[in-house]
Amino acid sequence: LRRKVRDVRNDLPNKVITPIALEMTYTEAEQYEEIRSSSNTEEGSSLGVLQKLRSFCAFPNTNSDLSNSVLPDDESSKFSYLFNSLLPEIFTLKEKTIIFTGFKEAQRIIKETVKQRFGSFCGVLNGDVPKEERQAMIDEFSNKLGFAVLIINPTVGATGWNIVAANHVIFYTLDW
C-alpha cells in the first residue's frame, strides 16, 4: 500500500529532529588529522579520502574484535554517545529504533554491541540480505515486544519500506 504524505499528514505525529553535535576525543582528532594530512601526499582521488574520513567518523577502529567483551566506547565518541546515552534511554522506554548507516563494519559492531549490552533483537538490513528475506526481517522487528533495533543501509532502506513499529530513527552516518 503506497500512500502520499499529503493524504495521511493529519494522522502522523509531529516529527522531532534533534541534531547532536559531538566533539571528537583528543585521540580521535589526532587520528582524523593524520588521515586528512596524509591525503595531501597521496596520489588518488579526493573522493576516496573523503570516504576514508566518513568511515573513520562512523567508527575509528572497524577492526575491533568484540569476542573478548571489550567494547569500543573509548575509541569513538559517536559510538559512546549511542550506547551510553541514546540507546539506554530507548531501552528503558521499551521502544524500537532504526539506525541508518551504510558502513558494514559499523553495522556489525553496532549489532554485536546491542546483543551484548541489551540482549535484544537487532537485525541488519543491507545488500547482503536477499530481497525476498527483507520483509520477513522487518516483520520480525515489528512483532518483537519491547526494545528492538533495526540497522538499515540507507540505499536499501530507500526502496519504500513501511516500517511503522519504530519510535526512533537515528542517522548514525548520513548518506552523501
C-alpha atoms as a PDB file:
ATOM      1  CA  LEU A   1       0.000   0.000   0.000  1.00  0.00           C
ATOM      2  CA  ARG A   2       1.613   3.218  -1.115  1.00  0.00           C
ATOM      3  CA  ARG A   3       0.335   6.477   0.251  1.00  0.00           C
ATOM      4  CA  LYS A   4       1.388  10.062  -0.158  1.00  0.00           C
ATOM      5  CA  VAL A   5       2.273  12.170   2.856  1.00  0.00           C
ATOM      6  CA  ARG A   6      -0.348  14.748   1.907  1.00  0.00           C
ATOM      7  CA  ASP A   7      -3.024  12.015   2.181  1.00  0.00           C
ATOM      8  CA  VAL A   8      -2.080  10.942   5.725  1.00  0.00           C
ATOM      9  CA  ARG A   9      -0.418  14.102   7.061  1.00  0.00           C
ATOM     10  CA  ASN A  10      -3.076  14.693   9.733  1.00  0.00           C
ATOM     11  CA  ASP A  11      -2.666  11.152  11.088  1.00  0.00           C
ATOM     12  CA  LEU A  12       1.080  11.483  11.629  1.00  0.00           C
ATOM     13  CA  PRO A  13       2.641  12.833  14.835  1.00  0.00           C
ATOM     14  CA  ASN A  14       4.914  15.847  14.553  1.00  0.00           C
ATOM     15  CA  LYS A  15       8.451  14.963  13.586  1.00  0.00           C
ATOM     16  CA  VAL A  16      11.075  15.898  16.162  1.00  0.00           C
ATOM     17  CA  ILE A  17      14.577  16.382  14.778  1.00  0.00           C
ATOM     18  CA  THR A  18      17.355  16.599  17.337  1.00  0.00           C
ATOM     19  CA  PRO A  19      20.761  17.199  15.777  1.00  0.00           C
ATOM     20  CA  ILE A  20      23.510  16.276  18.213  1.00  0.00           C
ATOM     21  CA  ALA A  21      26.962  17.736  17.721  1.00  0.00           C
ATOM     22  CA  LEU A  22      29.659  15.566  19.256  1.00  0.00           C
ATOM     23  CA  GLU A  23      33.229  16.526  19.855  1.00  0.00           C
ATOM     24  CA  MET A  24      35.944  14.060  18.962  1.00  0.00           C
ATOM     25  CA  THR A  25      38.239  12.865  21.690  1.00  0.00           C
ATOM     26  CA  TYR A  26      41.814  14.088  21.521  1.00  0.00           C
ATOM     27  CA  THR A  27      42.956  10.722  20.141  1.00  0.00           C
ATOM     28  CA  GLU A  28      40.194  10.676  17.521  1.00  0.00           C
ATOM     29  CA  ALA A  29      41.062  14.215  16.418  1.00  0.00           C
ATOM     30  CA  GLU A  30      44.739  13.257  16.069  1.00  0.00           C
ATOM     31  CA  GLN A  31      43.923  10.157  14.013  1.00  0.00           C
ATOM     32  CA  TYR A  32      41.452  12.094  11.846  1.00  0.00           C
ATOM     33  CA  GLU A  33      44.054  14.774  11.159  1.00  0.00           C
ATOM     34  CA  GLU A  34      46.625  12.094  10.339  1.00  0.00           C
ATOM     35  CA  ILE A  35      44.311  10.611   7.686  1.00  0.00           C
ATOM     36  CA  ARG A  36      43.459  14.047   6.338  1.00  0.00           C
ATOM     37  CA  SER A  37      47.047  15.268   6.151  1.00  0.00           C
ATOM     38  CA  SER A  38      48.315  12.017   4.624  1.00  0.00           C
ATOM     39  CA  SER A  39      45.875  12.603   1.793  1.00  0.00           C
ATOM     40  CA  ASN A  40      47.900  15.646   0.757  1.00  0.00           C
ATOM     41  CA  THR A  41      50.880  13.434  -0.026  1.00  0.00           C
ATOM     42  CA  GLU A  42      48.970  10.515  -1.570  1.00  0.00           C
ATOM     43  CA  GLU A  43      48.065  10.343  -5.176  1.00  0.00           C
ATOM     44  CA  GLY A  44      44.454   9.456  -5.709  1.00  0.00           C
ATOM     45  CA  SER A  45      41.019  10.888  -5.691  1.00  0.00           C
ATOM     46  CA  SER A  46      39.853  13.298  -3.065  1.00  0.00           C
ATOM     47  CA  LEU A  47      36.575  11.372  -3.089  1.00  0.00           C
ATOM     48  CA  GLY A  48      38.467   8.333  -1.775  1.00  0.00           C
ATOM     49  CA  VAL A  49      39.952  10.416   1.027  1.00  0.00           C
ATOM     50  CA  LEU A  50      36.525  11.791   1.907  1.00  0.00           C
ATOM     51  CA  GLN A  51      35.206   8.245   2.058  1.00  0.00           C
ATOM     52  CA  LYS A  52      38.038   7.260   4.441  1.00  0.00           C
ATOM     53  CA  LEU A  53      37.212  10.226   6.667  1.00  0.00           C
ATOM     54  CA  ARG A  54      33.490   9.399   6.623  1.00  0.00           C
ATOM     55  CA  SER A  55      34.269   5.809   7.561  1.00  0.00           C
ATOM     56  CA  PHE A  56      36.586   6.985  10.326  1.00  0.00           C
ATOM     57  CA  CYS A  57      33.827   9.198  11.738  1.00  0.00           C
ATOM     58  CA  ALA A  58      31.400   6.274  11.705  1.00  0.00           C
ATOM     59  CA  PHE A  59      33.786   4.250  13.780  1.00  0.00           C
ATOM     60  CA  PRO A  60      37.535   4.873  14.033  1.00  0.00           C
ATOM     61  CA  ASN A  61      38.578   1.261  14.537  1.00  0.00           C
ATOM     62  CA  THR A  62      36.425  -1.044  12.456  1.00  0.00           C
ATOM     63  CA  ASN A  63      38.805  -3.905  13.166  1.00  0.00           C
ATOM     64  CA  SER A  64      37.703  -4.233  16.799  1.00  0.00           C
ATOM     65  CA  ASP A  65      37.178  -7.779  17.974  1.00  0.00           C
ATOM     66  CA  LEU A  66      34.085  -7.901  20.173  1.00  0.00           C
ATOM     67  CA  SER A  67      34.522 -11.556  21.086  1.00  0.00           C
ATOM     68  CA  ASN A  68      36.597 -10.616  24.132  1.00  0.00           C
ATOM     69  CA  SER A  69      33.765  -8.426  25.556  1.00  0.00           C
ATOM     70  CA  VAL A  70      35.896  -5.294  25.300  1.00  0.00           C
ATOM     71  CA  LEU A  71      33.524  -2.749  23.834  1.00  0.00           C
ATOM     72  CA  PRO A  72      34.858   0.172  21.819  1.00  0.00           C
ATOM     73  CA  ASP A  73      33.400   3.054  23.880  1.00  0.00           C
ATOM     74  CA  ASP A  74      36.743   4.720  24.409  1.00  0.00           C
ATOM     75  CA  GLU A  75      37.631   4.599  20.708  1.00  0.00           C
ATOM     76  CA  SER A  76      34.688   6.589  19.361  1.00  0.00           C
ATOM     77  CA  SER A  77      32.794   9.493  20.879  1.00  0.00           C
ATOM     78  CA  LYS A  78      29.907   8.815  18.478  1.00  0.00           C
ATOM     79  CA  PHE A  79      29.707   5.139  19.431  1.00  0.00           C
ATOM     80  CA  SER A  80      29.985   6.033  23.102  1.00  0.00           C
ATOM     81  CA  TYR A  81      27.110   8.509  22.866  1.00  0.00           C
ATOM     82  CA  LEU A  82      24.953   5.975  21.034  1.00  0.00           C
ATOM     83  CA  PHE A  83      25.496   3.254  23.652  1.00  0.00           C
ATOM     84  CA  ASN A  84      25.817   5.323  26.810  1.00  0.00           C
ATOM     85  CA  SER A  85      23.054   7.870  26.195  1.00  0.00           C
ATOM     86  CA  LEU A  86      20.646   7.244  23.308  1.00  0.00           C
ATOM     87  CA  LEU A  87      20.046   3.502  23.297  1.00  0.00           C
ATOM     88  CA  PRO A  88      19.853   3.050  27.106  1.00  0.00           C
ATOM     89  CA  GLU A  89      17.106   5.685  27.215  1.00  0.00           C
ATOM     90  CA  ILE A  90      15.193   3.983  24.391  1.00  0.00           C
ATOM     91  CA  PHE A  91      15.739   0.600  26.103  1.00  0.00           C
ATOM     92  CA  THR A  92      14.241   1.986  29.329  1.00  0.00           C
ATOM     93  CA  LEU A  93      11.182   3.185  27.398  1.00  0.00           C
ATOM     94  CA  LYS A  94      10.895  -0.304  25.786  1.00  0.00           C
ATOM     95  CA  GLU A  95      10.631   1.265  22.357  1.00  0.00           C
ATOM     96  CA  LYS A  96      12.072   0.402  18.969  1.00  0.00           C
ATOM     97  CA  THR A  97      14.638   2.244  16.910  1.00  0.00           C
ATOM     98  CA  ILE A  98      16.015   2.229  13.403  1.00  0.00           C
ATOM     99  CA  ILE A  99      19.677   3.122  12.920  1.00  0.00           C
ATOM    100  CA  PHE A 100      20.886   4.167   9.479  1.00  0.00           C
ATOM    101  CA  THR A 101      24.499   3.600   8.485  1.00  0.00           C
ATOM    102  CA  GLY A 102      25.981   2.476   5.197  1.00  0.00           C
ATOM    103  CA  PHE A 103      29.239   1.113   6.607  1.00  0.00           C
ATOM    104  CA  LYS A 104      29.143  -2.673   7.011  1.00  0.00           C
ATOM    105  CA  GLU A 105      31.723  -2.796   9.779  1.00  0.00           C
ATOM    106  CA  ALA A 106      29.832  -0.162  11.763  1.00  0.00           C
ATOM    107  CA  GLN A 107      26.657  -2.221  11.222  1.00  0.00           C
ATOM    108  CA  ARG A 108      28.421  -5.323  12.519  1.00  0.00           C
ATOM    109  CA  ILE A 109      29.852  -3.600  15.577  1.00  0.00           C
ATOM    110  CA  ILE A 110      26.568  -1.906  16.470  1.00  0.00           C
ATOM    111  CA  LYS A 111      24.656  -5.192  16.083  1.00  0.00           C
ATOM    112  CA  GLU A 112      27.070  -7.157  18.263  1.00  0.00           C
ATOM    113  CA  THR A 113      27.084  -4.450  20.918  1.00  0.00           C
ATOM    114  CA  VAL A 114      23.275  -4.242  21.029  1.00  0.00           C
ATOM    115  CA  LYS A 115      23.162  -8.003  21.565  1.00  0.00           C
ATOM    116  CA  GLN A 116      25.860  -7.875  24.282  1.00  0.00           C
ATOM    117  CA  ARG A 117      24.504  -4.866  26.156  1.00  0.00           C
ATOM    118  CA  PHE A 118      20.763  -5.327  25.852  1.00  0.00           C
ATOM    119  CA  GLY A 119      20.236  -8.955  24.796  1.00  0.00           C
ATOM    120  CA  SER A 120      17.616  -7.700  22.363  1.00  0.00           C
ATOM    121  CA  PHE A 121      16.675  -8.271  18.749  1.00  0.00           C
ATOM    122  CA  CYS A 122      18.959  -6.439  16.350  1.00  0.00           C
ATOM    123  CA  GLY A 123      18.658  -7.032  12.635  1.00  0.00           C
ATOM    124  CA  VAL A 124      20.752  -5.641   9.818  1.00  0.00           C
ATOM    125  CA  LEU A 125      19.052  -4.835   6.551  1.00  0.00           C
ATOM    126  CA  ASN A 126      21.698  -4.285   3.889  1.00  0.00           C
ATOM    127  CA  GLY A 127      22.632  -5.534   0.439  1.00  0.00           C
ATOM    128  CA  ASP A 128      23.707  -8.901   1.886  1.00  0.00           C
ATOM    129  CA  VAL A 129      20.092  -9.720   2.754  1.00  0.00           C
ATOM    130  CA  PRO A 130      18.284 -11.194  -0.250  1.00  0.00           C
ATOM    131  CA  LYS A 131      15.310  -9.107  -1.378  1.00  0.00           C
ATOM    132  CA  GLU A 132      12.866 -11.913  -0.653  1.00  0.00           C
ATOM    133  CA  GLU A 133      14.029 -12.068   3.015  1.00  0.00           C
ATOM    134  CA  ARG A 134      13.895  -8.328   3.761  1.00  0.00           C
ATOM    135  CA  GLN A 135      10.183  -8.105   4.527  1.00  0.00           C
ATOM    136  CA  ALA A 136      10.484 -11.075   6.900  1.00  0.00           C
ATOM    137  CA  MET A 137      13.176  -9.203   8.847  1.00  0.00           C
ATOM    138  CA  ILE A 138      11.018  -6.074   9.006  1.00  0.00           C
ATOM    139  CA  ASP A 139       8.082  -8.199  10.209  1.00  0.00           C
ATOM    140  CA  GLU A 140      10.241  -9.841  12.898  1.00  0.00           C
ATOM    141  CA  PHE A 141      11.419  -6.407  14.086  1.00  0.00           C
ATOM    142  CA  SER A 142       7.839  -5.094  14.086  1.00  0.00           C
ATOM    143  CA  ASN A 143       6.458  -8.081  16.014  1.00  0.00           C
ATOM    144  CA  LYS A 144       9.050  -8.017  18.809  1.00  0.00           C
ATOM    145  CA  LEU A 145       7.697  -6.735  22.096  1.00  0.00           C
ATOM    146  CA  GLY A 146       9.717  -4.020  23.784  1.00  0.00           C
ATOM    147  CA  PHE A 147      13.139  -2.770  22.773  1.00  0.00           C
ATOM    148  CA  ALA A 148      14.471  -3.789  19.365  1.00  0.00           C
ATOM    149  CA  VAL A 149      16.896  -2.311  16.850  1.00  0.00           C
ATOM    150  CA  LEU A 150      16.946  -2.494  13.075  1.00  0.00           C
ATOM    151  CA  ILE A 151      20.101  -1.270  11.356  1.00  0.00           C
ATOM    152  CA  ILE A 152      19.475  -0.258   7.766  1.00  0.00           C
ATOM    153  CA  ASN A 153      21.766   0.671   4.921  1.00  0.00           C
ATOM    154  CA  PRO A 154      20.334   3.972   3.579  1.00  0.00           C
ATOM    155  CA  THR A 155      20.370   2.703  -0.010  1.00  0.00           C
ATOM    156  CA  VAL A 156      18.462  -0.464   0.862  1.00  0.00           C
ATOM    157  CA  GLY A 157      16.107   1.484   3.135  1.00  0.00           C
ATOM    158  CA  ALA A 158      15.262   3.978   0.405  1.00  0.00           C
ATOM    159  CA  THR A 159      13.172   1.446  -1.506  1.00  0.00           C
ATOM    160  CA  GLY A 160       9.875   2.380   0.111  1.00  0.00           C
ATOM    161  CA  TRP A 161       9.644   0.111   3.161  1.00  0.00           C
ATOM    162  CA  ASN A 162       6.770   0.785   5.507  1.00  0.00           C
ATOM    163  CA  ILE A 163       8.234   0.385   8.989  1.00  0.00           C
ATOM    164  CA  VAL A 164       5.795   1.847  11.478  1.00  0.00           C
ATOM    165  CA  ALA A 165       6.916  -0.057  14.577  1.00  0.00           C
ATOM    166  CA  ALA A 166       9.895   2.210  15.310  1.00  0.00           C
ATOM    167  CA  ASN A 167       9.514   5.192  17.611  1.00  0.00           C
ATOM    168  CA  HIS A 168      13.035   6.469  16.959  1.00  0.00           C
ATOM    169  CA  VAL A 169      15.251   6.911  13.906  1.00  0.00           C
ATOM    170  CA  ILE A 170      18.966   7.522  14.332  1.00  0.00           C
ATOM    171  CA  PHE A 171      21.136   8.567  11.403  1.00  0.00           C
ATOM    172  CA  TYR A 172      24.453   7.201  12.679  1.00  0.00           C
ATOM    173  CA  THR A 173      26.056   8.185   9.377  1.00  0.00           C
ATOM    174  CA  LEU A 174      24.468  10.411   6.796  1.00  0.00           C
ATOM    175  CA  ASP A 175      24.447   9.328   3.196  1.00  0.00           C
ATOM    176  CA  TRP A 176      26.140  11.526   0.610  1.00  0.00           C
END
